[in-house]
Amino acid sequence: MSVSPASLTASSDVRREIPRGAGSRRDRIEAALATLDAESRRLERLGLELPTARCHEQRRYWMFLSALFALPGSAIERFTPRADASWPGDRIR
């Protein structure tokens, strides 16, 4: 699997569909956050400021999804991001 230019890790690729099941969805979000945390530490060690900032922004996105899907009994549980939705961090290059 290739990683999109906007995604720093394969598991944080925003083109991949969010699973409909609550457990699978939680696993997907936690995997994205874990890989972004590891990538952030690696980028900081290398002193790469711009990629570190992109990683931080992607992590904020996944933290937002985590909080959003944690809302019980809401329409959010039926939410599936569009595959063609652009990544909010594209403005950082």
PDB file of N, CA and C in Angstrom:
ATOM      1  N   MET A   1       0.846  -1.178   0.000  1.00  0.00           N
ATOM      2  CA  MET A   1       0.000   0.000   0.000  1.00  0.00           C
ATOM      3  C   MET A   1       0.887   1.234   0.000  1.00  0.00           C
ATOM      4  N   SER A   2       0.552   2.181  -0.818  1.00  0.00           N
ATOM      5  CA  SER A   2       1.325   3.418  -0.855  1.00  0.00           C
ATOM      6  C   SER A   2       0.700   4.450   0.082  1.00  0.00           C
ATOM      7  N   VAL A   3       1.522   5.370   0.495  1.00  0.00           N
ATOM      8  CA  VAL A   3       1.080   6.437   1.381  1.00  0.00           C
ATOM      9  C   VAL A   3       0.838   7.669   0.530  1.00  0.00           C
ATOM     10  N   SER A   4      -0.291   8.321   0.745  1.00  0.00           N
ATOM     11  CA  SER A   4      -0.590   9.525  -0.038  1.00  0.00           C
ATOM     12  C   SER A   4       0.379  10.635   0.356  1.00  0.00           C
ATOM     13  N   PRO A   5       0.601  11.606  -0.523  1.00  0.00           N
ATOM     14  CA  PRO A   5       1.514  12.696  -0.204  1.00  0.00           C
ATOM     15  C   PRO A   5       1.116  13.438   1.073  1.00  0.00           C
ATOM     16  N   ALA A   6      -0.154  13.464   1.386  1.00  0.00           N
ATOM     17  CA  ALA A   6      -0.611  14.193   2.566  1.00  0.00           C
ATOM     18  C   ALA A   6      -0.482  13.370   3.841  1.00  0.00           C
ATOM     19  N   SER A   7      -0.229  12.071   3.726  1.00  0.00           N
ATOM     20  CA  SER A   7      -0.150  11.206   4.901  1.00  0.00           C
ATOM     21  C   SER A   7       1.296  10.832   5.177  1.00  0.00           C
ATOM     22  N   LEU A   8       1.688  10.933   6.424  1.00  0.00           N
ATOM     23  CA  LEU A   8       3.059  10.595   6.789  1.00  0.00           C
ATOM     24  C   LEU A   8       3.243   9.110   7.051  1.00  0.00           C
ATOM     25  N   THR A   9       2.173   8.408   7.383  1.00  0.00           N
ATOM     26  CA  THR A   9       2.252   6.969   7.630  1.00  0.00           C
ATOM     27  C   THR A   9       1.092   6.278   6.913  1.00  0.00           C
ATOM     28  N   ALA A  10       1.272   4.995   6.644  1.00  0.00           N
ATOM     29  CA  ALA A  10       0.217   4.244   5.952  1.00  0.00           C
ATOM     30  C   ALA A  10      -1.062   4.185   6.784  1.00  0.00           C
ATOM     31  N   SER A  11      -0.934   4.024   8.088  1.00  0.00           N
ATOM     32  CA  SER A  11      -2.145   3.906   8.904  1.00  0.00           C
ATOM     33  C   SER A  11      -2.844   5.238   9.127  1.00  0.00           C
ATOM     34  N   SER A  12      -2.173   6.337   8.831  1.00  0.00           N
ATOM     35  CA  SER A  12      -2.835   7.647   8.961  1.00  0.00           C
ATOM     36  C   SER A  12      -3.297   8.185   7.615  1.00  0.00           C
ATOM     37  N   ASP A  13      -3.296   7.341   6.599  1.00  0.00           N
ATOM     38  CA  ASP A  13      -3.727   7.744   5.257  1.00  0.00           C
ATOM     39  C   ASP A  13      -5.221   8.078   5.287  1.00  0.00           C
ATOM     40  N   VAL A  14      -5.542   9.307   5.001  1.00  0.00           N
ATOM     41  CA  VAL A  14      -6.933   9.772   5.092  1.00  0.00           C
ATOM     42  C   VAL A  14      -7.799   9.254   3.952  1.00  0.00           C
ATOM     43  N   ARG A  15      -7.183   8.653   2.937  1.00  0.00           N
ATOM     44  CA  ARG A  15      -7.969   8.083   1.838  1.00  0.00           C
ATOM     45  C   ARG A  15      -8.596   6.746   2.224  1.00  0.00           C
ATOM     46  N   ARG A  16      -8.086   6.108   3.272  1.00  0.00           N
ATOM     47  CA  ARG A  16      -8.645   4.839   3.710  1.00  0.00           C
ATOM     48  C   ARG A  16      -9.959   5.086   4.452  1.00  0.00           C
ATOM     49  N   GLU A  17     -10.898   4.209   4.234  1.00  0.00           N
ATOM     50  CA  GLU A  17     -12.213   4.349   4.856  1.00  0.00           C
ATOM     51  C   GLU A  17     -12.133   4.072   6.360  1.00  0.00           C
ATOM     52  N   ILE A  18     -12.915   4.828   7.108  1.00  0.00           N
ATOM     53  CA  ILE A  18     -13.045   4.597   8.543  1.00  0.00           C
ATOM     54  C   ILE A  18     -14.021   3.433   8.717  1.00  0.00           C
ATOM     55  N   PRO A  19     -13.644   2.382   9.461  1.00  0.00           N
ATOM     56  CA  PRO A  19     -14.561   1.248   9.648  1.00  0.00           C
ATOM     57  C   PRO A  19     -15.867   1.674  10.321  1.00  0.00           C
ATOM     58  N   ARG A  20     -16.934   0.978  10.007  1.00  0.00           N
ATOM     59  CA  ARG A  20     -18.246   1.297  10.585  1.00  0.00           C
ATOM     60  C   ARG A  20     -18.402   0.769  12.009  1.00  0.00           C
ATOM     61  N   GLY A  21     -17.783  -0.345  12.318  1.00  0.00           N
ATOM     62  CA  GLY A  21     -17.891  -0.916  13.664  1.00  0.00           C
ATOM     63  C   GLY A  21     -17.107  -0.096  14.672  1.00  0.00           C
ATOM     64  N   ALA A  22     -17.678   0.102  15.848  1.00  0.00           N
ATOM     65  CA  ALA A  22     -17.048   0.949  16.867  1.00  0.00           C
ATOM     66  C   ALA A  22     -15.665   0.433  17.269  1.00  0.00           C
ATOM     67  N   GLY A  23     -15.520  -0.870  17.465  1.00  0.00           N
ATOM     68  CA  GLY A  23     -14.235  -1.426  17.872  1.00  0.00           C
ATOM     69  C   GLY A  23     -13.182  -1.294  16.784  1.00  0.00           C
ATOM     70  N   SER A  24     -13.566  -1.609  15.569  1.00  0.00           N
ATOM     71  CA  SER A  24     -12.641  -1.493  14.435  1.00  0.00           C
ATOM     72  C   SER A  24     -12.258  -0.038  14.195  1.00  0.00           C
ATOM     73  N   ARG A  25     -13.236   0.832  14.359  1.00  0.00           N
ATOM     74  CA  ARG A  25     -12.981   2.266  14.170  1.00  0.00           C
ATOM     75  C   ARG A  25     -11.992   2.763  15.215  1.00  0.00           C
ATOM     76  N   ARG A  26     -12.186   2.369  16.472  1.00  0.00           N
ATOM     77  CA  ARG A  26     -11.279   2.758  17.558  1.00  0.00           C
ATOM     78  C   ARG A  26      -9.866   2.238  17.269  1.00  0.00           C
ATOM     79  N   ASP A  27      -9.760   0.977  16.818  1.00  0.00           N
ATOM     80  CA  ASP A  27      -8.456   0.395  16.488  1.00  0.00           C
ATOM     81  C   ASP A  27      -7.775   1.182  15.377  1.00  0.00           C
ATOM     82  N   ARG A  28      -8.527   1.558  14.366  1.00  0.00           N
ATOM     83  CA  ARG A  28      -7.971   2.306  13.225  1.00  0.00           C
ATOM     84  C   ARG A  28      -7.437   3.656  13.663  1.00  0.00           C
ATOM     85  N   ILE A  29      -8.210   4.349  14.480  1.00  0.00           N
ATOM     86  CA  ILE A  29      -7.801   5.673  14.965  1.00  0.00           C
ATOM     87  C   ILE A  29      -6.591   5.555  15.880  1.00  0.00           C
ATOM     88  N   GLU A  30      -6.597   4.583  16.777  1.00  0.00           N
ATOM     89  CA  GLU A  30      -5.459   4.398  17.691  1.00  0.00           C
ATOM     90  C   GLU A  30      -4.193   4.008  16.936  1.00  0.00           C
ATOM     91  N   ALA A  31      -4.323   3.207  15.883  1.00  0.00           N
ATOM     92  CA  ALA A  31      -3.159   2.836  15.070  1.00  0.00           C
ATOM     93  C   ALA A  31      -2.580   4.065  14.370  1.00  0.00           C
ATOM     94  N   ALA A  32      -3.460   4.902  13.841  1.00  0.00           N
ATOM     95  CA  ALA A  32      -2.996   6.133  13.184  1.00  0.00           C
ATOM     96  C   ALA A  32      -2.261   7.025  14.187  1.00  0.00           C
ATOM     97  N   LEU A  33      -2.830   7.184  15.369  1.00  0.00           N
ATOM     98  CA  LEU A  33      -2.199   8.025  16.389  1.00  0.00           C
ATOM     99  C   LEU A  33      -0.856   7.446  16.845  1.00  0.00           C
ATOM    100  N   ALA A  34      -0.783   6.142  17.018  1.00  0.00           N
ATOM    101  CA  ALA A  34       0.470   5.508  17.467  1.00  0.00           C
ATOM    102  C   ALA A  34       1.575   5.687  16.433  1.00  0.00           C
ATOM    103  N   THR A  35       1.242   5.481  15.154  1.00  0.00           N
ATOM    104  CA  THR A  35       2.276   5.629  14.128  1.00  0.00           C
ATOM    105  C   THR A  35       2.686   7.091  13.957  1.00  0.00           C
ATOM    106  N   LEU A  36       1.742   7.997  14.113  1.00  0.00           N
ATOM    107  CA  LEU A  36       2.091   9.417  14.024  1.00  0.00           C
ATOM    108  C   LEU A  36       2.950   9.856  15.207  1.00  0.00           C
ATOM    109  N   ASP A  37       2.694   9.310  16.388  1.00  0.00           N
ATOM    110  CA  ASP A  37       3.540   9.612  17.546  1.00  0.00           C
ATOM    111  C   ASP A  37       4.973   9.157  17.312  1.00  0.00           C
ATOM    112  N   ALA A  38       5.114   7.931  16.805  1.00  0.00           N
ATOM    113  CA  ALA A  38       6.452   7.402  16.521  1.00  0.00           C
ATOM    114  C   ALA A  38       7.141   8.225  15.431  1.00  0.00           C
ATOM    115  N   GLU A  39       6.403   8.576  14.399  1.00  0.00           N
ATOM    116  CA  GLU A  39       6.972   9.372  13.307  1.00  0.00           C
ATOM    117  C   GLU A  39       7.362  10.760  13.791  1.00  0.00           C
ATOM    118  N   SER A  40       6.563  11.339  14.667  1.00  0.00           N
ATOM    119  CA  SER A  40       6.873  12.656  15.222  1.00  0.00           C
ATOM    120  C   SER A  40       8.187  12.614  15.995  1.00  0.00           C
ATOM    121  N   ARG A  41       8.365  11.590  16.818  1.00  0.00           N
ATOM    122  CA  ARG A  41       9.619  11.448  17.577  1.00  0.00           C
ATOM    123  C   ARG A  41      10.812  11.304  16.629  1.00  0.00           C
ATOM    124  N   ARG A  42      10.646  10.530  15.574  1.00  0.00           N
ATOM    125  CA  ARG A  42      11.719  10.330  14.595  1.00  0.00           C
ATOM    126  C   ARG A  42      12.066  11.640  13.899  1.00  0.00           C
ATOM    127  N   LEU A  43      11.046  12.369  13.475  1.00  0.00           N
ATOM    128  CA  LEU A  43      11.274  13.634  12.773  1.00  0.00           C
ATOM    129  C   LEU A  43      11.926  14.671  13.686  1.00  0.00           C
ATOM    130  N   GLU A  44      11.528  14.694  14.954  1.00  0.00           N
ATOM    131  CA  GLU A  44      12.134  15.621  15.916  1.00  0.00           C
ATOM    132  C   GLU A  44      13.611  15.292  16.121  1.00  0.00           C
ATOM    133  N   ARG A  45      13.937  13.996  16.225  1.00  0.00           N
ATOM    134  CA  ARG A  45      15.343  13.589  16.376  1.00  0.00           C
ATOM    135  C   ARG A  45      16.181  14.040  15.185  1.00  0.00           C
ATOM    136  N   LEU A  46      15.576  14.015  14.003  1.00  0.00           N
ATOM    137  CA  LEU A  46      16.278  14.428  12.791  1.00  0.00           C
ATOM    138  C   LEU A  46      16.318  15.951  12.616  1.00  0.00           C
ATOM    139  N   GLY A  47      15.542  16.652  13.430  1.00  0.00           N
ATOM    140  CA  GLY A  47      15.514  18.110  13.357  1.00  0.00           C
ATOM    141  C   GLY A  47      14.751  18.658  12.156  1.00  0.00           C
ATOM    142  N   LEU A  48      13.788  17.903  11.663  1.00  0.00           N
ATOM    143  CA  LEU A  48      13.008  18.312  10.492  1.00  0.00           C
ATOM    144  C   LEU A  48      11.743  19.041  10.954  1.00  0.00           C
ATOM    145  N   GLU A  49      11.799  20.346  10.945  1.00  0.00           N
ATOM    146  CA  GLU A  49      10.722  21.152  11.510  1.00  0.00           C
ATOM    147  C   GLU A  49       9.424  21.110  10.717  1.00  0.00           C
ATOM    148  N   LEU A  50       9.495  21.273   9.403  1.00  0.00           N
ATOM    149  CA  LEU A  50       8.275  21.297   8.596  1.00  0.00           C
ATOM    150  C   LEU A  50       7.547  19.954   8.606  1.00  0.00           C
ATOM    151  N   PRO A  51       8.249  18.826   8.382  1.00  0.00           N
ATOM    152  CA  PRO A  51       7.557  17.539   8.495  1.00  0.00           C
ATOM    153  C   PRO A  51       7.018  17.280   9.904  1.00  0.00           C
ATOM    154  N   THR A  52       7.721  17.754  10.924  1.00  0.00           N
ATOM    155  CA  THR A  52       7.224  17.605  12.299  1.00  0.00           C
ATOM    156  C   THR A  52       5.927  18.388  12.480  1.00  0.00           C
ATOM    157  N   ALA A  53       5.850  19.572  11.894  1.00  0.00           N
ATOM    158  CA  ALA A  53       4.623  20.377  11.977  1.00  0.00           C
ATOM    159  C   ALA A  53       3.483  19.682  11.240  1.00  0.00           C
ATOM    160  N   ARG A  54       3.767  19.094  10.073  1.00  0.00           N
ATOM    161  CA  ARG A  54       2.740  18.347   9.329  1.00  0.00           C
ATOM    162  C   ARG A  54       2.248  17.166  10.156  1.00  0.00           C
ATOM    163  N   CYS A  55       3.182  16.490  10.807  1.00  0.00           N
ATOM    164  CA  CYS A  55       2.825  15.339  11.638  1.00  0.00           C
ATOM    165  C   CYS A  55       1.926  15.790  12.795  1.00  0.00           C
ATOM    166  N   HIS A  56       2.274  16.897  13.415  1.00  0.00           N
ATOM    167  CA  HIS A  56       1.461  17.428  14.514  1.00  0.00           C
ATOM    168  C   HIS A  56       0.050  17.754  14.027  1.00  0.00           C
ATOM    169  N   GLU A  57      -0.050  18.336  12.840  1.00  0.00           N
ATOM    170  CA  GLU A  57      -1.372  18.677  12.304  1.00  0.00           C
ATOM    171  C   GLU A  57      -2.188  17.421  12.001  1.00  0.00           C
ATOM    172  N   GLN A  58      -1.540  16.408  11.440  1.00  0.00           N
ATOM    173  CA  GLN A  58      -2.246  15.158  11.174  1.00  0.00           C
ATOM    174  C   GLN A  58      -2.690  14.504  12.483  1.00  0.00           C
ATOM    175  N   ARG A  59      -1.837  14.580  13.499  1.00  0.00           N
ATOM    176  CA  ARG A  59      -2.202  14.012  14.794  1.00  0.00           C
ATOM    177  C   ARG A  59      -3.414  14.745  15.372  1.00  0.00           C
ATOM    178  N   ARG A  60      -3.488  16.046  15.224  1.00  0.00           N
ATOM    179  CA  ARG A  60      -4.657  16.812  15.690  1.00  0.00           C
ATOM    180  C   ARG A  60      -5.925  16.346  14.990  1.00  0.00           C
ATOM    181  N   TYR A  61      -5.827  16.074  13.684  1.00  0.00           N
ATOM    182  CA  TYR A  61      -6.972  15.580  12.924  1.00  0.00           C
ATOM    183  C   TYR A  61      -7.465  14.251  13.497  1.00  0.00           C
ATOM    184  N   TRP A  62      -6.526  13.324  13.746  1.00  0.00           N
ATOM    185  CA  TRP A  62      -6.908  12.008  14.271  1.00  0.00           C
ATOM    186  C   TRP A  62      -7.404  12.102  15.713  1.00  0.00           C
ATOM    187  N   MET A  63      -6.874  13.039  16.493  1.00  0.00           N
ATOM    188  CA  MET A  63      -7.395  13.258  17.849  1.00  0.00           C
ATOM    189  C   MET A  63      -8.829  13.791  17.779  1.00  0.00           C
ATOM    190  N   PHE A  64      -9.092  14.665  16.811  1.00  0.00           N
ATOM    191  CA  PHE A  64     -10.440  15.170  16.603  1.00  0.00           C
ATOM    192  C   PHE A  64     -11.391  14.018  16.267  1.00  0.00           C
ATOM    193  N   LEU A  65     -10.971  13.143  15.332  1.00  0.00           N
ATOM    194  CA  LEU A  65     -11.819  11.997  14.991  1.00  0.00           C
ATOM    195  C   LEU A  65     -12.052  11.112  16.204  1.00  0.00           C
ATOM    196  N   SER A  66     -11.026  10.915  17.006  1.00  0.00           N
ATOM    197  CA  SER A  66     -11.164  10.101  18.211  1.00  0.00           C
ATOM    198  C   SER A  66     -12.235  10.680  19.134  1.00  0.00           C
ATOM    199  N   ALA A  67     -12.178  11.982  19.351  1.00  0.00           N
ATOM    200  CA  ALA A  67     -13.169  12.638  20.207  1.00  0.00           C
ATOM    201  C   ALA A  67     -14.557  12.601  19.571  1.00  0.00           C
ATOM    202  N   LEU A  68     -14.611  12.815  18.280  1.00  0.00           N
ATOM    203  CA  LEU A  68     -15.880  12.832  17.564  1.00  0.00           C
ATOM    204  C   LEU A  68     -16.590  11.481  17.660  1.00  0.00           C
ATOM    205  N   PHE A  69     -15.854  10.414  17.417  1.00  0.00           N
ATOM    206  CA  PHE A  69     -16.453   9.085  17.452  1.00  0.00           C
ATOM    207  C   PHE A  69     -16.686   8.576  18.878  1.00  0.00           C
ATOM    208  N   ALA A  70     -16.131   9.256  19.867  1.00  0.00           N
ATOM    209  CA  ALA A  70     -16.367   8.875  21.256  1.00  0.00           C
ATOM    210  C   ALA A  70     -17.728   9.369  21.758  1.00  0.00           C
ATOM    211  N   LEU A  71     -18.377  10.256  21.009  1.00  0.00           N
ATOM    212  CA  LEU A  71     -19.700  10.751  21.397  1.00  0.00           C
ATOM    213  C   LEU A  71     -20.711   9.618  21.308  1.00  0.00           C
ATOM    214  N   PRO A  72     -21.367   9.283  22.390  1.00  0.00           N
ATOM    215  CA  PRO A  72     -22.292   8.145  22.378  1.00  0.00           C
ATOM    216  C   PRO A  72     -23.631   8.467  21.719  1.00  0.00           C
ATOM    217  N   GLY A  73     -24.148   7.494  20.973  1.00  0.00           N
ATOM    218  CA  GLY A  73     -25.507   7.560  20.452  1.00  0.00           C
ATOM    219  C   GLY A  73     -25.807   8.708  19.520  1.00  0.00           C
ATOM    220  N   SER A  74     -24.834   9.246  18.852  1.00  0.00           N
ATOM    221  CA  SER A  74     -25.093  10.367  17.962  1.00  0.00           C
ATOM    222  C   SER A  74     -25.018   9.920  16.505  1.00  0.00           C
ATOM    223  N   ALA A  75     -25.372  10.809  15.626  1.00  0.00           N
ATOM    224  CA  ALA A  75     -25.288  10.524  14.196  1.00  0.00           C
ATOM    225  C   ALA A  75     -23.841  10.348  13.759  1.00  0.00           C
ATOM    226  N   ILE A  76     -22.918  10.768  14.590  1.00  0.00           N
ATOM    227  CA  ILE A  76     -21.495  10.641  14.287  1.00  0.00           C
ATOM    228  C   ILE A  76     -21.125   9.182  14.065  1.00  0.00           C
ATOM    229  N   GLU A  77     -21.781   8.274  14.725  1.00  0.00           N
ATOM    230  CA  GLU A  77     -21.468   6.853  14.583  1.00  0.00           C
ATOM    231  C   GLU A  77     -21.714   6.360  13.166  1.00  0.00           C
ATOM    232  N   ARG A  78     -22.544   7.064  12.401  1.00  0.00           N
ATOM    233  CA  ARG A  78     -22.824   6.679  11.019  1.00  0.00           C
ATOM    234  C   ARG A  78     -21.957   7.441  10.026  1.00  0.00           C
ATOM    235  N   PHE A  79     -21.137   8.348  10.528  1.00  0.00           N
ATOM    236  CA  PHE A  79     -20.316   9.198   9.677  1.00  0.00           C
ATOM    237  C   PHE A  79     -19.199   8.403   9.006  1.00  0.00           C
ATOM    238  N   THR A  80     -19.027   8.617   7.709  1.00  0.00           N
ATOM    239  CA  THR A  80     -17.891   8.071   6.972  1.00  0.00           C
ATOM    240  C   THR A  80     -17.335   9.200   6.113  1.00  0.00           C
ATOM    241  N   PRO A  81     -16.074   9.595   6.333  1.00  0.00           N
ATOM    242  CA  PRO A  81     -15.508  10.675   5.526  1.00  0.00           C
ATOM    243  C   PRO A  81     -15.520  10.326   4.039  1.00  0.00           C
ATOM    244  N   ARG A  82     -15.714  11.319   3.208  1.00  0.00           N
ATOM    245  CA  ARG A  82     -15.680  11.113   1.759  1.00  0.00           C
ATOM    246  C   ARG A  82     -14.268  10.768   1.323  1.00  0.00           C
ATOM    247  N   ALA A  83     -14.153   9.857   0.396  1.00  0.00           N
ATOM    248  CA  ALA A  83     -12.836   9.454  -0.106  1.00  0.00           C
ATOM    249  C   ALA A  83     -12.162  10.593  -0.860  1.00  0.00           C
ATOM    250  N   ASP A  84     -12.956  11.495  -1.442  1.00  0.00           N
ATOM    251  CA  ASP A  84     -12.372  12.583  -2.223  1.00  0.00           C
ATOM    252  C   ASP A  84     -12.141  13.846  -1.400  1.00  0.00           C
ATOM    253  N   ALA A  85     -12.377  13.772  -0.084  1.00  0.00           N
ATOM    254  CA  ALA A  85     -12.186  14.951   0.763  1.00  0.00           C
ATOM    255  C   ALA A  85     -10.699  15.298   0.803  1.00  0.00           C
ATOM    256  N   SER A  86     -10.390  16.564   0.657  1.00  0.00           N
ATOM    257  CA  SER A  86      -8.986  16.967   0.673  1.00  0.00           C
ATOM    258  C   SER A  86      -8.495  17.035   2.108  1.00  0.00           C
ATOM    259  N   TRP A  87      -7.228  16.807   2.269  1.00  0.00           N
ATOM    260  CA  TRP A  87      -6.588  16.822   3.600  1.00  0.00           C
ATOM    261  C   TRP A  87      -6.449  18.246   4.081  1.00  0.00           C
ATOM    262  N   PRO A  88      -6.836  18.539   5.332  1.00  0.00           N
ATOM    263  CA  PRO A  88      -6.774  19.911   5.822  1.00  0.00           C
ATOM    264  C   PRO A  88      -5.349  20.461   5.916  1.00  0.00           C
ATOM    265  N   GLY A  89      -4.350  19.601   5.972  1.00  0.00           N
ATOM    266  CA  GLY A  89      -2.972  20.055   6.111  1.00  0.00           C
ATOM    267  C   GLY A  89      -2.256  20.318   4.810  1.00  0.00           C
ATOM    268  N   ASP A  90      -2.956  20.250   3.684  1.00  0.00           N
ATOM    269  CA  ASP A  90      -2.295  20.481   2.402  1.00  0.00           C
ATOM    270  C   ASP A  90      -1.709  21.877   2.287  1.00  0.00           C
ATOM    271  N   ARG A  91      -2.167  22.785   3.105  1.00  0.00           N
ATOM    272  CA  ARG A  91      -1.648  24.149   3.009  1.00  0.00           C
ATOM    273  C   ARG A  91      -0.224  24.247   3.559  1.00  0.00           C
ATOM    274  N   ILE A  92       0.203  23.257   4.347  1.00  0.00           N
ATOM    275  CA  ILE A  92       1.573  23.245   4.867  1.00  0.00           C
ATOM    276  C   ILE A  92       2.429  22.435   3.907  1.00  0.00           C
ATOM    277  N   ARG A  93       3.380  23.040   3.330  1.00  0.00           N
ATOM    278  CA  ARG A  93       4.280  22.342   2.381  1.00  0.00           C
ATOM    279  C   ARG A  93       5.706  22.533   2.804  1.00  0.00           C
TER     280      ARG A  93
END
